[in-house]
């Protein structure tokens, strides 16, 4: 079964890039809500992505589109991606807080 295959380093890198982009756009909460609410529909979503691939490829240059559609089919990817988004969001939040504190300290000196 496909869901039992281990993640490749390329899969991990793709999930990392997706998580980084979500956090960069400050879309952690909507992304996590969508992932959690769509969990039962992952297989349907991957099949829909395959169906729409010719149209999407005609409009956009998306080199990882097919890999994403294959990954989304696996239910454990939802957990893995959500965990990566949460970790990146926490890291970004700590960095913003440290930056704010550093600016306050420089103003008060």
C-alpha atoms as a PDB file:
ATOM      1  CA  UNK A   1       0.000   0.000   0.000  1.00  0.00           C
ATOM      2  CA  UNK A   2       1.293   3.494  -0.884  1.00  0.00           C
ATOM      3  CA  UNK A   3       0.667   4.952   2.573  1.00  0.00           C
ATOM      4  CA  UNK A   4       3.204   2.559   4.111  1.00  0.00           C
ATOM      5  CA  UNK A   5       6.084   3.763   1.927  1.00  0.00           C
ATOM      6  CA  UNK A   6       8.611   5.873   3.825  1.00  0.00           C
ATOM      7  CA  UNK A   7       8.980   9.560   3.121  1.00  0.00           C
ATOM      8  CA  UNK A   8      11.861  10.386   0.814  1.00  0.00           C
ATOM      9  CA  UNK A   9      14.188  13.314   1.536  1.00  0.00           C
ATOM     10  CA  UNK A  10      12.555  15.097  -1.420  1.00  0.00           C
ATOM     11  CA  UNK A  11       9.123  14.625   0.186  1.00  0.00           C
ATOM     12  CA  UNK A  12      10.409  16.028   3.478  1.00  0.00           C
ATOM     13  CA  UNK A  13      11.976  18.987   1.674  1.00  0.00           C
ATOM     14  CA  UNK A  14       8.727  19.674  -0.176  1.00  0.00           C
ATOM     15  CA  UNK A  15       6.704  19.592   3.045  1.00  0.00           C
ATOM     16  CA  UNK A  16       9.272  21.902   4.666  1.00  0.00           C
ATOM     17  CA  UNK A  17       8.959  24.367   1.766  1.00  0.00           C
ATOM     18  CA  UNK A  18       5.174  24.252   1.959  1.00  0.00           C
ATOM     19  CA  UNK A  19       5.223  24.868   5.716  1.00  0.00           C
ATOM     20  CA  UNK A  20       7.724  27.706   5.339  1.00  0.00           C
ATOM     21  CA  UNK A  21       5.607  29.389   2.683  1.00  0.00           C
ATOM     22  CA  UNK A  22       2.431  29.094   4.765  1.00  0.00           C
ATOM     23  CA  UNK A  23       4.169  30.718   7.742  1.00  0.00           C
ATOM     24  CA  UNK A  24       5.786  33.353   5.529  1.00  0.00           C
ATOM     25  CA  UNK A  25       2.320  34.387   4.358  1.00  0.00           C
ATOM     26  CA  UNK A  26       1.008  34.332   7.973  1.00  0.00           C
ATOM     27  CA  UNK A  27      -1.606  31.754   6.948  1.00  0.00           C
ATOM     28  CA  UNK A  28      -0.911  29.203   9.714  1.00  0.00           C
ATOM     29  CA  UNK A  29      -4.386  29.242  11.232  1.00  0.00           C
ATOM     30  CA  UNK A  30      -6.361  28.926   7.963  1.00  0.00           C
ATOM     31  CA  UNK A  31      -3.949  26.250   6.693  1.00  0.00           C
ATOM     32  CA  UNK A  32      -4.229  24.209   9.881  1.00  0.00           C
ATOM     33  CA  UNK A  33      -8.024  24.557   9.858  1.00  0.00           C
ATOM     34  CA  UNK A  34      -8.161  23.406   6.240  1.00  0.00           C
ATOM     35  CA  UNK A  35      -5.839  20.474   6.917  1.00  0.00           C
ATOM     36  CA  UNK A  36      -7.765  19.320   9.961  1.00  0.00           C
ATOM     37  CA  UNK A  37     -11.225  19.764   8.473  1.00  0.00           C
ATOM     38  CA  UNK A  38     -10.236  18.162   5.181  1.00  0.00           C
ATOM     39  CA  UNK A  39      -8.520  15.151   6.734  1.00  0.00           C
ATOM     40  CA  UNK A  40     -11.255  12.664   5.670  1.00  0.00           C
ATOM     41  CA  UNK A  41     -11.144  13.966   2.096  1.00  0.00           C
ATOM     42  CA  UNK A  42      -7.414  13.632   1.400  1.00  0.00           C
ATOM     43  CA  UNK A  43      -7.822  10.885  -1.193  1.00  0.00           C
ATOM     44  CA  UNK A  44     -10.569  12.809  -2.980  1.00  0.00           C
ATOM     45  CA  UNK A  45      -8.407  15.944  -2.939  1.00  0.00           C
ATOM     46  CA  UNK A  46      -5.464  14.110  -4.500  1.00  0.00           C
ATOM     47  CA  UNK A  47      -7.686  12.675  -7.224  1.00  0.00           C
ATOM     48  CA  UNK A  48      -9.135  16.134  -7.900  1.00  0.00           C
ATOM     49  CA  UNK A  49      -5.621  17.512  -8.232  1.00  0.00           C
ATOM     50  CA  UNK A  50      -4.829  14.818 -10.803  1.00  0.00           C
ATOM     51  CA  UNK A  51      -8.012  15.649 -12.723  1.00  0.00           C
ATOM     52  CA  UNK A  52      -7.248  19.392 -12.816  1.00  0.00           C
ATOM     53  CA  UNK A  53      -3.512  18.969 -13.507  1.00  0.00           C
ATOM     54  CA  UNK A  54      -3.665  19.732 -17.267  1.00  0.00           C
ATOM     55  CA  UNK A  55      -5.499  23.005 -16.642  1.00  0.00           C
ATOM     56  CA  UNK A  56      -3.264  24.033 -13.757  1.00  0.00           C
ATOM     57  CA  UNK A  57      -0.083  23.222 -15.690  1.00  0.00           C
ATOM     58  CA  UNK A  58      -1.363  25.255 -18.653  1.00  0.00           C
ATOM     59  CA  UNK A  59      -1.724  28.321 -16.417  1.00  0.00           C
ATOM     60  CA  UNK A  60       1.104  27.960 -13.870  1.00  0.00           C
ATOM     61  CA  UNK A  61       4.608  26.548 -13.713  1.00  0.00           C
ATOM     62  CA  UNK A  62       4.383  24.180 -10.755  1.00  0.00           C
ATOM     63  CA  UNK A  63       7.203  21.613 -10.831  1.00  0.00           C
ATOM     64  CA  UNK A  64       6.097  19.831  -7.643  1.00  0.00           C
ATOM     65  CA  UNK A  65       2.388  19.615  -8.481  1.00  0.00           C
ATOM     66  CA  UNK A  66       2.371  15.865  -9.165  1.00  0.00           C
ATOM     67  CA  UNK A  67       4.432  15.129  -6.042  1.00  0.00           C
ATOM     68  CA  UNK A  68       2.018  17.167  -3.904  1.00  0.00           C
ATOM     69  CA  UNK A  69      -0.970  15.311  -5.335  1.00  0.00           C
ATOM     70  CA  UNK A  70       0.703  11.968  -4.543  1.00  0.00           C
ATOM     71  CA  UNK A  71       1.608  13.096  -1.021  1.00  0.00           C
ATOM     72  CA  UNK A  72      -1.848  14.459  -0.227  1.00  0.00           C
ATOM     73  CA  UNK A  73      -3.252  10.998  -0.914  1.00  0.00           C
ATOM     74  CA  UNK A  74      -1.446   9.734   2.192  1.00  0.00           C
ATOM     75  CA  UNK A  75      -3.343  10.499   5.389  1.00  0.00           C
ATOM     76  CA  UNK A  76      -0.228  10.750   7.555  1.00  0.00           C
ATOM     77  CA  UNK A  77       0.945  13.692   5.453  1.00  0.00           C
ATOM     78  CA  UNK A  78      -1.746  15.867   7.029  1.00  0.00           C
ATOM     79  CA  UNK A  79      -0.272  15.254  10.484  1.00  0.00           C
ATOM     80  CA  UNK A  80       3.287  15.727   9.276  1.00  0.00           C
ATOM     81  CA  UNK A  81       2.505  18.977   7.437  1.00  0.00           C
ATOM     82  CA  UNK A  82       0.475  20.344  10.352  1.00  0.00           C
ATOM     83  CA  UNK A  83       3.349  19.580  12.722  1.00  0.00           C
ATOM     84  CA  UNK A  84       5.829  21.325  10.422  1.00  0.00           C
ATOM     85  CA  UNK A  85       3.566  24.387  10.099  1.00  0.00           C
ATOM     86  CA  UNK A  86       3.101  24.588  13.871  1.00  0.00           C
ATOM     87  CA  UNK A  87       6.860  24.289  14.483  1.00  0.00           C
ATOM     88  CA  UNK A  88       7.676  26.969  11.909  1.00  0.00           C
ATOM     89  CA  UNK A  89       4.948  29.245  13.274  1.00  0.00           C
ATOM     90  CA  UNK A  90       6.283  28.878  16.819  1.00  0.00           C
ATOM     91  CA  UNK A  91       9.802  29.636  15.601  1.00  0.00           C
ATOM     92  CA  UNK A  92       8.603  32.714  13.682  1.00  0.00           C
ATOM     93  CA  UNK A  93       6.594  33.890  16.691  1.00  0.00           C
ATOM     94  CA  UNK A  94       9.649  33.594  18.971  1.00  0.00           C
ATOM     95  CA  UNK A  95      11.783  35.474  16.436  1.00  0.00           C
ATOM     96  CA  UNK A  96       9.227  38.299  16.143  1.00  0.00           C
ATOM     97  CA  UNK A  97       8.967  38.531  19.931  1.00  0.00           C
ATOM     98  CA  UNK A  98      12.765  38.669  20.309  1.00  0.00           C
ATOM     99  CA  UNK A  99      12.930  41.350  17.608  1.00  0.00           C
ATOM    100  CA  UNK A 100      10.255  43.431  19.383  1.00  0.00           C
ATOM    101  CA  UNK A 101      12.069  43.128  22.703  1.00  0.00           C
ATOM    102  CA  UNK A 102      15.366  44.114  21.089  1.00  0.00           C
ATOM    103  CA  UNK A 103      13.756  47.210  19.553  1.00  0.00           C
ATOM    104  CA  UNK A 104      12.212  48.188  22.892  1.00  0.00           C
ATOM    105  CA  UNK A 105      15.559  47.739  24.616  1.00  0.00           C
ATOM    106  CA  UNK A 106      17.350  49.874  22.001  1.00  0.00           C
ATOM    107  CA  UNK A 107      14.740  52.653  22.353  1.00  0.00           C
ATOM    108  CA  UNK A 108      14.977  52.728  26.142  1.00  0.00           C
ATOM    109  CA  UNK A 109      18.802  52.894  26.156  1.00  0.00           C
END
